[in-house]
């Protein structure tokens, strides 16, 4: 009888073909702390329609998520090997010839595309935390001449009460969804007065 598959995210198990304790070793060897972060997503039932904090620095509404499985190659004992990129060592534990584990999750959110592993996707942040973070980033951008137009484009952002962002249409974004497939632009609630994210006197 084979080992039971792990808990699922968007219908895909976090591991299969191995016991939980072995899967945890593989996943955390691939990226330290990744197993615990994945279990947080499971515990909070993250799926399309959920909120996550993505690399935009806002919370985003999950439109879709693509779970990447990586094969756990069979080894008789723990050993170090080099993967196809030749620049990252990975530890392998035990014999799991048919085992697989989650190496990353690509998210499509209301803010765009984001990698769980590469972009540091996490559970949604509070409105206050996001506001403080955005104000700090805008202040720093202005102080250094706004070389990358961070503050300029921040003028088209409206921070909403749940930490998501409403994008005001401009030359980079049109409300017909052409920016990316399936785009969602969260609406501004009636009567809502958004916070000012810019230093006093900035135009």
C-alpha atoms as a PDB file:
ATOM      1  CA  UNK A   1       0.000   0.000   0.000  1.00  0.00           C
ATOM      2  CA  UNK A   2       1.455   3.386  -1.033  1.00  0.00           C
ATOM      3  CA  UNK A   3       1.884   6.421   1.156  1.00  0.00           C
ATOM      4  CA  UNK A   4      -1.110   8.778   1.307  1.00  0.00           C
ATOM      5  CA  UNK A   5      -0.776  12.045  -0.603  1.00  0.00           C
ATOM      6  CA  UNK A   6      -0.397  15.289   1.300  1.00  0.00           C
ATOM      7  CA  UNK A   7      -3.057  17.989   1.759  1.00  0.00           C
ATOM      8  CA  UNK A   8      -4.102  19.779  -1.423  1.00  0.00           C
ATOM      9  CA  UNK A   9      -3.851  23.326  -2.732  1.00  0.00           C
ATOM     10  CA  UNK A  10      -6.123  24.081  -5.681  1.00  0.00           C
ATOM     11  CA  UNK A  11      -6.662  20.342  -6.109  1.00  0.00           C
ATOM     12  CA  UNK A  12      -2.948  19.419  -6.174  1.00  0.00           C
ATOM     13  CA  UNK A  13      -1.341  17.541  -3.225  1.00  0.00           C
ATOM     14  CA  UNK A  14       1.707  19.133  -1.586  1.00  0.00           C
ATOM     15  CA  UNK A  15       3.458  15.773  -1.890  1.00  0.00           C
ATOM     16  CA  UNK A  16       2.781  12.208  -2.940  1.00  0.00           C
ATOM     17  CA  UNK A  17       4.586   8.898  -2.881  1.00  0.00           C
ATOM     18  CA  UNK A  18       6.244   9.539   0.495  1.00  0.00           C
ATOM     19  CA  UNK A  19       5.459   9.994   4.166  1.00  0.00           C
ATOM     20  CA  UNK A  20       4.881  13.447   5.639  1.00  0.00           C
ATOM     21  CA  UNK A  21       8.156  13.466   7.587  1.00  0.00           C
ATOM     22  CA  UNK A  22      10.129  12.647   4.423  1.00  0.00           C
ATOM     23  CA  UNK A  23       8.180  15.214   2.398  1.00  0.00           C
ATOM     24  CA  UNK A  24       8.960  17.874   5.002  1.00  0.00           C
ATOM     25  CA  UNK A  25      12.687  17.144   4.674  1.00  0.00           C
ATOM     26  CA  UNK A  26      12.587  17.347   0.882  1.00  0.00           C
ATOM     27  CA  UNK A  27      10.564  20.565   0.805  1.00  0.00           C
ATOM     28  CA  UNK A  28      12.636  22.354   3.433  1.00  0.00           C
ATOM     29  CA  UNK A  29      15.868  21.158   1.805  1.00  0.00           C
ATOM     30  CA  UNK A  30      14.663  22.777  -1.416  1.00  0.00           C
ATOM     31  CA  UNK A  31      13.953  26.045   0.432  1.00  0.00           C
ATOM     32  CA  UNK A  32      14.282  26.432   4.235  1.00  0.00           C
ATOM     33  CA  UNK A  33      10.912  27.023   5.893  1.00  0.00           C
ATOM     34  CA  UNK A  34       8.954  26.289   2.704  1.00  0.00           C
ATOM     35  CA  UNK A  35       7.031  23.370   4.254  1.00  0.00           C
ATOM     36  CA  UNK A  36       5.718  25.537   7.098  1.00  0.00           C
ATOM     37  CA  UNK A  37       4.737  28.334   4.684  1.00  0.00           C
ATOM     38  CA  UNK A  38       2.870  25.864   2.469  1.00  0.00           C
ATOM     39  CA  UNK A  39       1.008  24.458   5.472  1.00  0.00           C
ATOM     40  CA  UNK A  40      -0.082  28.021   6.351  1.00  0.00           C
ATOM     41  CA  UNK A  41      -1.738  28.252   2.938  1.00  0.00           C
ATOM     42  CA  UNK A  42      -3.485  24.921   3.569  1.00  0.00           C
ATOM     43  CA  UNK A  43      -4.612  25.950   7.064  1.00  0.00           C
ATOM     44  CA  UNK A  44      -6.139  29.161   5.649  1.00  0.00           C
ATOM     45  CA  UNK A  45      -7.640  27.346   2.634  1.00  0.00           C
ATOM     46  CA  UNK A  46      -5.997  29.661   0.105  1.00  0.00           C
ATOM     47  CA  UNK A  47      -7.651  29.226  -3.304  1.00  0.00           C
ATOM     48  CA  UNK A  48      -8.983  31.358  -6.171  1.00  0.00           C
ATOM     49  CA  UNK A  49     -10.987  34.170  -4.572  1.00  0.00           C
ATOM     50  CA  UNK A  50      -8.793  34.295  -1.443  1.00  0.00           C
ATOM     51  CA  UNK A  51      -6.579  37.207  -0.438  1.00  0.00           C
ATOM     52  CA  UNK A  52      -2.783  36.939  -0.300  1.00  0.00           C
ATOM     53  CA  UNK A  53      -0.013  39.497   0.149  1.00  0.00           C
ATOM     54  CA  UNK A  54       1.957  39.479  -3.102  1.00  0.00           C
ATOM     55  CA  UNK A  55       5.039  41.269  -4.430  1.00  0.00           C
ATOM     56  CA  UNK A  56       3.053  44.400  -5.343  1.00  0.00           C
ATOM     57  CA  UNK A  57       3.148  45.197  -1.581  1.00  0.00           C
ATOM     58  CA  UNK A  58      -0.680  45.137  -1.595  1.00  0.00           C
ATOM     59  CA  UNK A  59      -3.016  42.273  -0.852  1.00  0.00           C
ATOM     60  CA  UNK A  60      -4.244  40.632  -4.037  1.00  0.00           C
ATOM     61  CA  UNK A  61      -7.320  38.611  -4.921  1.00  0.00           C
ATOM     62  CA  UNK A  62      -6.200  35.195  -6.190  1.00  0.00           C
ATOM     63  CA  UNK A  63      -7.468  34.683  -9.742  1.00  0.00           C
ATOM     64  CA  UNK A  64      -5.636  31.412 -10.354  1.00  0.00           C
ATOM     65  CA  UNK A  65      -2.758  29.388  -8.939  1.00  0.00           C
ATOM     66  CA  UNK A  66      -0.499  26.846 -10.621  1.00  0.00           C
ATOM     67  CA  UNK A  67       1.197  24.312  -8.336  1.00  0.00           C
ATOM     68  CA  UNK A  68       4.626  23.112  -9.511  1.00  0.00           C
ATOM     69  CA  UNK A  69       5.599  19.566  -8.525  1.00  0.00           C
ATOM     70  CA  UNK A  70       9.222  18.430  -8.457  1.00  0.00           C
ATOM     71  CA  UNK A  71      10.294  14.750  -8.574  1.00  0.00           C
ATOM     72  CA  UNK A  72      12.078  13.331  -5.528  1.00  0.00           C
ATOM     73  CA  UNK A  73      14.739  11.163  -7.146  1.00  0.00           C
ATOM     74  CA  UNK A  74      15.498   7.747  -5.558  1.00  0.00           C
ATOM     75  CA  UNK A  75      18.540   7.566  -3.328  1.00  0.00           C
ATOM     76  CA  UNK A  76      19.516   4.772  -0.959  1.00  0.00           C
ATOM     77  CA  UNK A  77      20.826   7.231   1.593  1.00  0.00           C
ATOM     78  CA  UNK A  78      21.088  10.935   2.236  1.00  0.00           C
ATOM     79  CA  UNK A  79      23.459  12.586  -0.230  1.00  0.00           C
ATOM     80  CA  UNK A  80      24.092  15.865  -1.950  1.00  0.00           C
ATOM     81  CA  UNK A  81      23.664  16.315  -5.688  1.00  0.00           C
ATOM     82  CA  UNK A  82      23.479  19.128  -8.220  1.00  0.00           C
ATOM     83  CA  UNK A  83      20.319  19.789 -10.169  1.00  0.00           C
ATOM     84  CA  UNK A  84      20.082  20.813 -13.811  1.00  0.00           C
ATOM     85  CA  UNK A  85      20.982  24.442 -13.093  1.00  0.00           C
ATOM     86  CA  UNK A  86      24.330  23.327 -11.618  1.00  0.00           C
ATOM     87  CA  UNK A  87      24.245  26.114  -9.060  1.00  0.00           C
ATOM     88  CA  UNK A  88      22.039  24.780  -6.283  1.00  0.00           C
ATOM     89  CA  UNK A  89      22.659  21.735  -4.114  1.00  0.00           C
ATOM     90  CA  UNK A  90      19.623  19.736  -2.973  1.00  0.00           C
ATOM     91  CA  UNK A  91      19.432  17.138  -0.214  1.00  0.00           C
ATOM     92  CA  UNK A  92      17.636  13.853  -0.840  1.00  0.00           C
ATOM     93  CA  UNK A  93      16.391  11.498   1.843  1.00  0.00           C
ATOM     94  CA  UNK A  94      15.477   7.821   1.592  1.00  0.00           C
ATOM     95  CA  UNK A  95      14.078   5.856  -1.352  1.00  0.00           C
ATOM     96  CA  UNK A  96      11.127   7.594  -3.021  1.00  0.00           C
ATOM     97  CA  UNK A  97      11.278   6.517  -6.696  1.00  0.00           C
ATOM     98  CA  UNK A  98       7.774   7.805  -7.475  1.00  0.00           C
ATOM     99  CA  UNK A  99       7.662  10.675  -5.016  1.00  0.00           C
ATOM    100  CA  UNK A 100       6.904  14.317  -5.853  1.00  0.00           C
ATOM    101  CA  UNK A 101       6.743  17.473  -3.779  1.00  0.00           C
ATOM    102  CA  UNK A 102       5.658  21.070  -4.305  1.00  0.00           C
ATOM    103  CA  UNK A 103       8.594  23.286  -5.242  1.00  0.00           C
ATOM    104  CA  UNK A 104       6.707  26.493  -6.013  1.00  0.00           C
ATOM    105  CA  UNK A 105       3.285  27.995  -6.746  1.00  0.00           C
ATOM    106  CA  UNK A 106       2.669  30.624  -9.404  1.00  0.00           C
ATOM    107  CA  UNK A 107      -0.160  32.963  -8.457  1.00  0.00           C
ATOM    108  CA  UNK A 108      -2.186  35.227 -10.720  1.00  0.00           C
ATOM    109  CA  UNK A 109      -3.771  37.930  -8.582  1.00  0.00           C
ATOM    110  CA  UNK A 110      -5.580  41.218  -9.054  1.00  0.00           C
ATOM    111  CA  UNK A 111      -2.092  42.796  -9.012  1.00  0.00           C
ATOM    112  CA  UNK A 112      -0.492  40.500 -11.612  1.00  0.00           C
ATOM    113  CA  UNK A 113       1.693  37.382 -11.548  1.00  0.00           C
ATOM    114  CA  UNK A 114       3.696  36.321  -8.498  1.00  0.00           C
ATOM    115  CA  UNK A 115       5.816  33.346  -7.407  1.00  0.00           C
ATOM    116  CA  UNK A 116       5.237  31.907  -3.936  1.00  0.00           C
ATOM    117  CA  UNK A 117       8.912  31.060  -3.528  1.00  0.00           C
ATOM    118  CA  UNK A 118      10.602  33.781  -5.585  1.00  0.00           C
ATOM    119  CA  UNK A 119       8.388  36.713  -4.563  1.00  0.00           C
ATOM    120  CA  UNK A 120       7.759  35.830  -0.930  1.00  0.00           C
ATOM    121  CA  UNK A 121       3.978  35.525  -1.189  1.00  0.00           C
ATOM    122  CA  UNK A 122       2.407  35.347   2.268  1.00  0.00           C
ATOM    123  CA  UNK A 123      -0.912  35.526   4.074  1.00  0.00           C
ATOM    124  CA  UNK A 124      -2.742  38.864   3.696  1.00  0.00           C
ATOM    125  CA  UNK A 125      -1.361  41.832   5.640  1.00  0.00           C
ATOM    126  CA  UNK A 126      -3.333  44.432   7.569  1.00  0.00           C
ATOM    127  CA  UNK A 127      -4.450  47.744   6.055  1.00  0.00           C
ATOM    128  CA  UNK A 128      -2.254  49.652   8.538  1.00  0.00           C
ATOM    129  CA  UNK A 129       0.847  47.613   7.714  1.00  0.00           C
ATOM    130  CA  UNK A 130       0.402  48.088   3.968  1.00  0.00           C
ATOM    131  CA  UNK A 131      -0.253  51.822   4.329  1.00  0.00           C
ATOM    132  CA  UNK A 132       2.885  52.327   6.408  1.00  0.00           C
ATOM    133  CA  UNK A 133       4.937  50.283   3.919  1.00  0.00           C
ATOM    134  CA  UNK A 134       3.619  52.198   0.888  1.00  0.00           C
ATOM    135  CA  UNK A 135       4.216  55.592   2.516  1.00  0.00           C
ATOM    136  CA  UNK A 136       7.783  54.601   3.316  1.00  0.00           C
ATOM    137  CA  UNK A 137       8.484  53.370  -0.228  1.00  0.00           C
ATOM    138  CA  UNK A 138       6.967  56.500  -1.800  1.00  0.00           C
ATOM    139  CA  UNK A 139       8.900  58.772   0.556  1.00  0.00           C
ATOM    140  CA  UNK A 140      12.166  56.990  -0.295  1.00  0.00           C
ATOM    141  CA  UNK A 141      11.435  57.129  -4.042  1.00  0.00           C
ATOM    142  CA  UNK A 142      10.782  60.872  -3.937  1.00  0.00           C
ATOM    143  CA  UNK A 143      13.914  61.495  -1.851  1.00  0.00           C
ATOM    144  CA  UNK A 144      16.055  59.780  -4.517  1.00  0.00           C
ATOM    145  CA  UNK A 145      14.484  61.545  -7.501  1.00  0.00           C
ATOM    146  CA  UNK A 146      11.895  58.863  -8.327  1.00  0.00           C
ATOM    147  CA  UNK A 147      14.193  57.402 -10.992  1.00  0.00           C
ATOM    148  CA  UNK A 148      11.901  54.414 -11.636  1.00  0.00           C
ATOM    149  CA  UNK A 149       8.634  56.425 -11.548  1.00  0.00           C
ATOM    150  CA  UNK A 150       7.479  54.576  -8.421  1.00  0.00           C
ATOM    151  CA  UNK A 151       5.802  57.650  -6.943  1.00  0.00           C
ATOM    152  CA  UNK A 152       4.421  58.693 -10.326  1.00  0.00           C
ATOM    153  CA  UNK A 153       2.541  55.458 -10.850  1.00  0.00           C
ATOM    154  CA  UNK A 154       1.534  55.250  -7.184  1.00  0.00           C
ATOM    155  CA  UNK A 155      -0.788  58.178  -7.967  1.00  0.00           C
ATOM    156  CA  UNK A 156      -2.966  55.710  -9.901  1.00  0.00           C
ATOM    157  CA  UNK A 157      -3.249  53.362  -6.894  1.00  0.00           C
ATOM    158  CA  UNK A 158      -6.132  53.471  -4.412  1.00  0.00           C
ATOM    159  CA  UNK A 159      -5.544  51.458  -1.221  1.00  0.00           C
ATOM    160  CA  UNK A 160      -8.800  49.764  -0.253  1.00  0.00           C
ATOM    161  CA  UNK A 161      -9.957  48.774   3.263  1.00  0.00           C
ATOM    162  CA  UNK A 162      -9.040  45.092   2.780  1.00  0.00           C
ATOM    163  CA  UNK A 163      -5.512  45.976   1.672  1.00  0.00           C
ATOM    164  CA  UNK A 164      -6.153  45.378  -2.034  1.00  0.00           C
ATOM    165  CA  UNK A 165      -5.551  48.040  -4.669  1.00  0.00           C
ATOM    166  CA  UNK A 166      -7.866  49.703  -7.153  1.00  0.00           C
ATOM    167  CA  UNK A 167      -5.956  50.786 -10.256  1.00  0.00           C
ATOM    168  CA  UNK A 168      -7.098  54.049 -11.844  1.00  0.00           C
ATOM    169  CA  UNK A 169      -6.908  53.637 -15.658  1.00  0.00           C
ATOM    170  CA  UNK A 170      -3.905  55.312 -17.269  1.00  0.00           C
ATOM    171  CA  UNK A 171      -1.540  54.620 -20.163  1.00  0.00           C
ATOM    172  CA  UNK A 172      -0.330  51.371 -18.528  1.00  0.00           C
ATOM    173  CA  UNK A 173      -3.708  49.958 -17.517  1.00  0.00           C
ATOM    174  CA  UNK A 174      -7.114  49.898 -19.140  1.00  0.00           C
ATOM    175  CA  UNK A 175     -10.241  48.596 -17.350  1.00  0.00           C
ATOM    176  CA  UNK A 176     -11.168  46.141 -20.132  1.00  0.00           C
ATOM    177  CA  UNK A 177      -8.859  43.512 -18.621  1.00  0.00           C
ATOM    178  CA  UNK A 178      -6.260  43.777 -21.393  1.00  0.00           C
ATOM    179  CA  UNK A 179      -3.408  44.120 -18.884  1.00  0.00           C
ATOM    180  CA  UNK A 180      -3.562  40.383 -18.178  1.00  0.00           C
ATOM    181  CA  UNK A 181      -6.067  37.615 -18.772  1.00  0.00           C
ATOM    182  CA  UNK A 182      -8.833  37.387 -16.211  1.00  0.00           C
ATOM    183  CA  UNK A 183      -7.799  40.592 -14.478  1.00  0.00           C
ATOM    184  CA  UNK A 184      -9.884  41.799 -11.541  1.00  0.00           C
ATOM    185  CA  UNK A 185      -9.772  45.483 -10.583  1.00  0.00           C
ATOM    186  CA  UNK A 186     -11.334  45.729  -7.091  1.00  0.00           C
ATOM    187  CA  UNK A 187     -13.923  48.538  -7.011  1.00  0.00           C
ATOM    188  CA  UNK A 188     -13.767  51.523  -4.661  1.00  0.00           C
ATOM    189  CA  UNK A 189     -16.653  51.286  -2.124  1.00  0.00           C
ATOM    190  CA  UNK A 190     -19.261  54.024  -2.285  1.00  0.00           C
ATOM    191  CA  UNK A 191     -18.355  56.919   0.008  1.00  0.00           C
ATOM    192  CA  UNK A 192     -14.872  55.552   0.719  1.00  0.00           C
ATOM    193  CA  UNK A 193     -12.171  58.187   1.265  1.00  0.00           C
ATOM    194  CA  UNK A 194      -8.767  56.615   0.533  1.00  0.00           C
ATOM    195  CA  UNK A 195      -5.766  57.511   2.696  1.00  0.00           C
ATOM    196  CA  UNK A 196      -3.112  59.877   1.415  1.00  0.00           C
ATOM    197  CA  UNK A 197       0.099  57.925   0.767  1.00  0.00           C
ATOM    198  CA  UNK A 198       2.199  60.950  -0.248  1.00  0.00           C
ATOM    199  CA  UNK A 199       4.211  63.446   1.815  1.00  0.00           C
ATOM    200  CA  UNK A 200       2.492  66.739   2.538  1.00  0.00           C
ATOM    201  CA  UNK A 201       2.862  69.206  -0.315  1.00  0.00           C
ATOM    202  CA  UNK A 202       3.876  66.615  -2.924  1.00  0.00           C
ATOM    203  CA  UNK A 203       2.256  67.095  -6.344  1.00  0.00           C
END
